[in-house]
Amino acid sequence: MESYGLLKISLIISLLGSLILLLIMNFQEPKLMKISDINSDLINKQIKVSGKIISYRNYTNDFTILTLEDDSGKIDAICNCPNLQKNINVTIIGRVDEYNKEIQININKIK
């Protein structure tokens, strides 16, 4: 009977620990970085960048390619966000990717 109680306590602690880790992962954002610091070492990693949209190209209803610029450089970012404007400042969180030997960001969140 004691082992059943211990098993129950262990299961509850494991579930609570997993829940806490999931909450931390959802609310934790990457540190803000400059565009010039983005390189191939960051491929498949989450990053946060802030800058001005200097151009955007809509490709049907599938996706939009933004060109984002800060004081250190420019980078293309891919999203499914058709209602954007030029010359506005945004902060994006996304995953670094490479397409045709060019570094780009696949946006997960845009503010």
C-alpha atoms as a PDB file:
ATOM      1  CA  MET A   1       0.000   0.000   0.000  1.00  0.00           C
ATOM      2  CA  GLU A   2       2.890   2.371   0.745  1.00  0.00           C
ATOM      3  CA  SER A   3       4.352   1.879  -2.752  1.00  0.00           C
ATOM      4  CA  TYR A   4       1.003   2.885  -4.300  1.00  0.00           C
ATOM      5  CA  GLY A   5       1.047   6.181  -2.360  1.00  0.00           C
ATOM      6  CA  LEU A   6       4.671   6.810  -3.346  1.00  0.00           C
ATOM      7  CA  LEU A   7       3.820   6.097  -6.986  1.00  0.00           C
ATOM      8  CA  LYS A   8       0.920   8.536  -6.817  1.00  0.00           C
ATOM      9  CA  ILE A   9       3.092  11.296  -5.312  1.00  0.00           C
ATOM     10  CA  SER A  10       5.823  10.691  -7.914  1.00  0.00           C
ATOM     11  CA  LEU A  11       3.308  10.937 -10.740  1.00  0.00           C
ATOM     12  CA  ILE A  12       1.849  14.197  -9.396  1.00  0.00           C
ATOM     13  CA  ILE A  13       5.309  15.756  -8.972  1.00  0.00           C
ATOM     14  CA  SER A  14       6.305  14.695 -12.509  1.00  0.00           C
ATOM     15  CA  LEU A  15       3.147  16.186 -14.010  1.00  0.00           C
ATOM     16  CA  LEU A  16       3.574  19.450 -12.093  1.00  0.00           C
ATOM     17  CA  GLY A  17       7.212  19.697 -13.182  1.00  0.00           C
ATOM     18  CA  SER A  18       6.277  19.150 -16.825  1.00  0.00           C
ATOM     19  CA  LEU A  19       3.536  21.767 -16.584  1.00  0.00           C
ATOM     20  CA  ILE A  20       5.931  24.313 -15.061  1.00  0.00           C
ATOM     21  CA  LEU A  21       8.484  23.681 -17.831  1.00  0.00           C
ATOM     22  CA  LEU A  22       5.817  24.170 -20.526  1.00  0.00           C
ATOM     23  CA  LEU A  23       4.727  27.455 -18.948  1.00  0.00           C
ATOM     24  CA  ILE A  24       8.310  28.703 -18.770  1.00  0.00           C
ATOM     25  CA  MET A  25       8.900  27.807 -22.432  1.00  0.00           C
ATOM     26  CA  ASN A  26       5.748  29.660 -23.563  1.00  0.00           C
ATOM     27  CA  PHE A  27       6.515  32.875 -21.695  1.00  0.00           C
ATOM     28  CA  GLN A  28      10.265  33.025 -22.181  1.00  0.00           C
ATOM     29  CA  GLU A  29      11.367  35.088 -25.181  1.00  0.00           C
ATOM     30  CA  PRO A  30      14.828  35.194 -26.735  1.00  0.00           C
ATOM     31  CA  LYS A  31      17.060  38.185 -26.043  1.00  0.00           C
ATOM     32  CA  LEU A  32      16.838  41.070 -28.543  1.00  0.00           C
ATOM     33  CA  MET A  33      19.715  41.008 -31.028  1.00  0.00           C
ATOM     34  CA  LYS A  34      20.995  43.079 -33.948  1.00  0.00           C
ATOM     35  CA  ILE A  35      20.503  41.897 -37.512  1.00  0.00           C
ATOM     36  CA  SER A  36      24.270  41.971 -38.143  1.00  0.00           C
ATOM     37  CA  ASP A  37      24.723  39.347 -35.383  1.00  0.00           C
ATOM     38  CA  ILE A  38      22.549  36.789 -37.203  1.00  0.00           C
ATOM     39  CA  ASN A  39      24.655  34.133 -38.923  1.00  0.00           C
ATOM     40  CA  SER A  40      24.565  30.477 -39.976  1.00  0.00           C
ATOM     41  CA  ASP A  41      25.457  29.365 -36.430  1.00  0.00           C
ATOM     42  CA  LEU A  42      21.933  30.402 -35.407  1.00  0.00           C
ATOM     43  CA  ILE A  43      20.088  28.268 -37.988  1.00  0.00           C
ATOM     44  CA  ASN A  44      17.056  26.543 -36.375  1.00  0.00           C
ATOM     45  CA  LYS A  45      17.353  28.731 -33.264  1.00  0.00           C
ATOM     46  CA  GLN A  46      14.745  31.199 -32.020  1.00  0.00           C
ATOM     47  CA  ILE A  47      15.752  34.871 -32.115  1.00  0.00           C
ATOM     48  CA  LYS A  48      14.193  38.276 -31.476  1.00  0.00           C
ATOM     49  CA  VAL A  49      14.897  41.245 -33.767  1.00  0.00           C
ATOM     50  CA  SER A  50      13.518  44.758 -33.919  1.00  0.00           C
ATOM     51  CA  GLY A  51      13.575  47.057 -36.941  1.00  0.00           C
ATOM     52  CA  LYS A  52      11.701  48.938 -39.644  1.00  0.00           C
ATOM     53  CA  ILE A  53       9.900  47.254 -42.537  1.00  0.00           C
ATOM     54  CA  ILE A  54      11.523  48.757 -45.636  1.00  0.00           C
ATOM     55  CA  SER A  55       9.715  46.547 -48.152  1.00  0.00           C
ATOM     56  CA  TYR A  56       7.314  43.648 -48.351  1.00  0.00           C
ATOM     57  CA  ARG A  57       6.151  41.308 -51.089  1.00  0.00           C
ATOM     58  CA  ASN A  58       2.895  39.336 -50.911  1.00  0.00           C
ATOM     59  CA  TYR A  59       2.871  35.969 -52.643  1.00  0.00           C
ATOM     60  CA  THR A  60      -0.804  35.085 -53.220  1.00  0.00           C
ATOM     61  CA  ASN A  61      -2.433  34.372 -49.876  1.00  0.00           C
ATOM     62  CA  ASP A  62       0.291  31.974 -48.789  1.00  0.00           C
ATOM     63  CA  PHE A  63       3.028  34.171 -47.360  1.00  0.00           C
ATOM     64  CA  THR A  64       4.694  37.563 -47.263  1.00  0.00           C
ATOM     65  CA  ILE A  65       8.411  38.361 -47.416  1.00  0.00           C
ATOM     66  CA  LEU A  66       9.373  41.394 -45.335  1.00  0.00           C
ATOM     67  CA  THR A  67      12.696  43.130 -45.563  1.00  0.00           C
ATOM     68  CA  LEU A  68      13.533  44.337 -42.082  1.00  0.00           C
ATOM     69  CA  GLU A  69      16.268  46.894 -41.353  1.00  0.00           C
ATOM     70  CA  ASP A  70      17.906  48.091 -38.162  1.00  0.00           C
ATOM     71  CA  ASP A  71      20.998  50.270 -37.672  1.00  0.00           C
ATOM     72  CA  SER A  72      23.263  47.271 -38.325  1.00  0.00           C
ATOM     73  CA  GLY A  73      21.817  45.725 -41.499  1.00  0.00           C
ATOM     74  CA  LYS A  74      18.909  44.151 -43.378  1.00  0.00           C
ATOM     75  CA  ILE A  75      17.321  40.692 -43.441  1.00  0.00           C
ATOM     76  CA  ASP A  76      14.358  39.014 -45.114  1.00  0.00           C
ATOM     77  CA  ALA A  77      11.646  37.562 -42.903  1.00  0.00           C
ATOM     78  CA  ILE A  78       8.843  35.205 -43.959  1.00  0.00           C
ATOM     79  CA  CYS A  79       5.360  35.296 -42.426  1.00  0.00           C
ATOM     80  CA  ASN A  80       1.691  34.739 -43.074  1.00  0.00           C
ATOM     81  CA  CYS A  81       0.769  38.355 -42.322  1.00  0.00           C
ATOM     82  CA  PRO A  82      -0.824  40.105 -45.315  1.00  0.00           C
ATOM     83  CA  ASN A  83      -1.854  43.366 -43.590  1.00  0.00           C
ATOM     84  CA  LEU A  84       1.447  45.135 -43.011  1.00  0.00           C
ATOM     85  CA  GLN A  85       2.735  48.551 -43.997  1.00  0.00           C
ATOM     86  CA  LYS A  86       6.072  49.931 -45.065  1.00  0.00           C
ATOM     87  CA  ASN A  87       8.096  52.168 -42.726  1.00  0.00           C
ATOM     88  CA  ILE A  88       6.647  50.837 -39.472  1.00  0.00           C
ATOM     89  CA  ASN A  89       8.781  49.522 -36.629  1.00  0.00           C
ATOM     90  CA  VAL A  90       8.169  45.941 -35.561  1.00  0.00           C
ATOM     91  CA  THR A  91       9.664  43.387 -33.228  1.00  0.00           C
ATOM     92  CA  ILE A  92       9.680  39.814 -34.470  1.00  0.00           C
ATOM     93  CA  ILE A  93      10.389  36.481 -32.879  1.00  0.00           C
ATOM     94  CA  GLY A  94      11.206  33.662 -35.238  1.00  0.00           C
ATOM     95  CA  ARG A  95      13.457  30.833 -36.298  1.00  0.00           C
ATOM     96  CA  VAL A  96      16.590  31.460 -38.360  1.00  0.00           C
ATOM     97  CA  ASP A  97      16.596  29.571 -41.643  1.00  0.00           C
ATOM     98  CA  GLU A  98      18.607  29.450 -44.861  1.00  0.00           C
ATOM     99  CA  TYR A  99      17.130  29.630 -48.361  1.00  0.00           C
ATOM    100  CA  ASN A 100      19.282  29.785 -51.506  1.00  0.00           C
ATOM    101  CA  LYS A 101      22.374  30.339 -49.326  1.00  0.00           C
ATOM    102  CA  GLU A 102      20.772  33.440 -47.748  1.00  0.00           C
ATOM    103  CA  ILE A 103      19.913  33.734 -44.066  1.00  0.00           C
ATOM    104  CA  GLN A 104      16.283  34.591 -43.347  1.00  0.00           C
ATOM    105  CA  ILE A 105      13.835  34.466 -40.445  1.00  0.00           C
ATOM    106  CA  ASN A 106      10.605  32.471 -40.343  1.00  0.00           C
ATOM    107  CA  ILE A 107       8.402  34.630 -38.142  1.00  0.00           C
ATOM    108  CA  ASN A 108       6.436  33.057 -35.294  1.00  0.00           C
ATOM    109  CA  LYS A 109       5.282  36.271 -33.614  1.00  0.00           C
ATOM    110  CA  ILE A 110       5.201  39.882 -34.768  1.00  0.00           C
ATOM    111  CA  LYS A 111       4.533  42.943 -32.605  1.00  0.00           C
END
